[in-house]
Each structure stands twice: as C-alpha cells, then as structure tokens.
Amino acid sequence: MGNKLFRPEGPEYEAPQCPVCLAETDSVYVDGDGEIHGCDGCLKRRDAWELLPERGRRVIL
C-alpha cells in the first residue's frame, strides 16, 4: 500500500488554525513554556547576525 498521507475530508473535518492569525496551518511555533507565538504565515524569520549591533554580542529581545 505504501506510505500515502491523506487528510480526512468530510462534514466533521476542521482544519487546524493558528490562534494568532487564524490561518489554516499544519504547525505553530511555541516557546519553552508552551506559549504559541504563531505559524509560518504570521511569523518572519530573521538572521540573528543581522540583529547584532557589533559582532560577538548576544541577541537580547
């Protein structure tokens, strides 16, 4: 039969939503405490090196 992935479509099927932007999503990002911060649609990835004012300093947000 193989490794086929499928989604159960039907009247009772509800796609998971991001609680931040309400977009349909398969995954969300959480911090160490389990707090949800968003999905791929509402979060932007930044290069940590670009946020450093000078090389060698840690990023503190």
Foldseek 3Di string as FASTA:
>chain_A
DDDDDDDDDDDPDDADAWPPPRHRDDDFDADPVRHTDTHPVPDDDDDQVVVDPDPPDHDDD
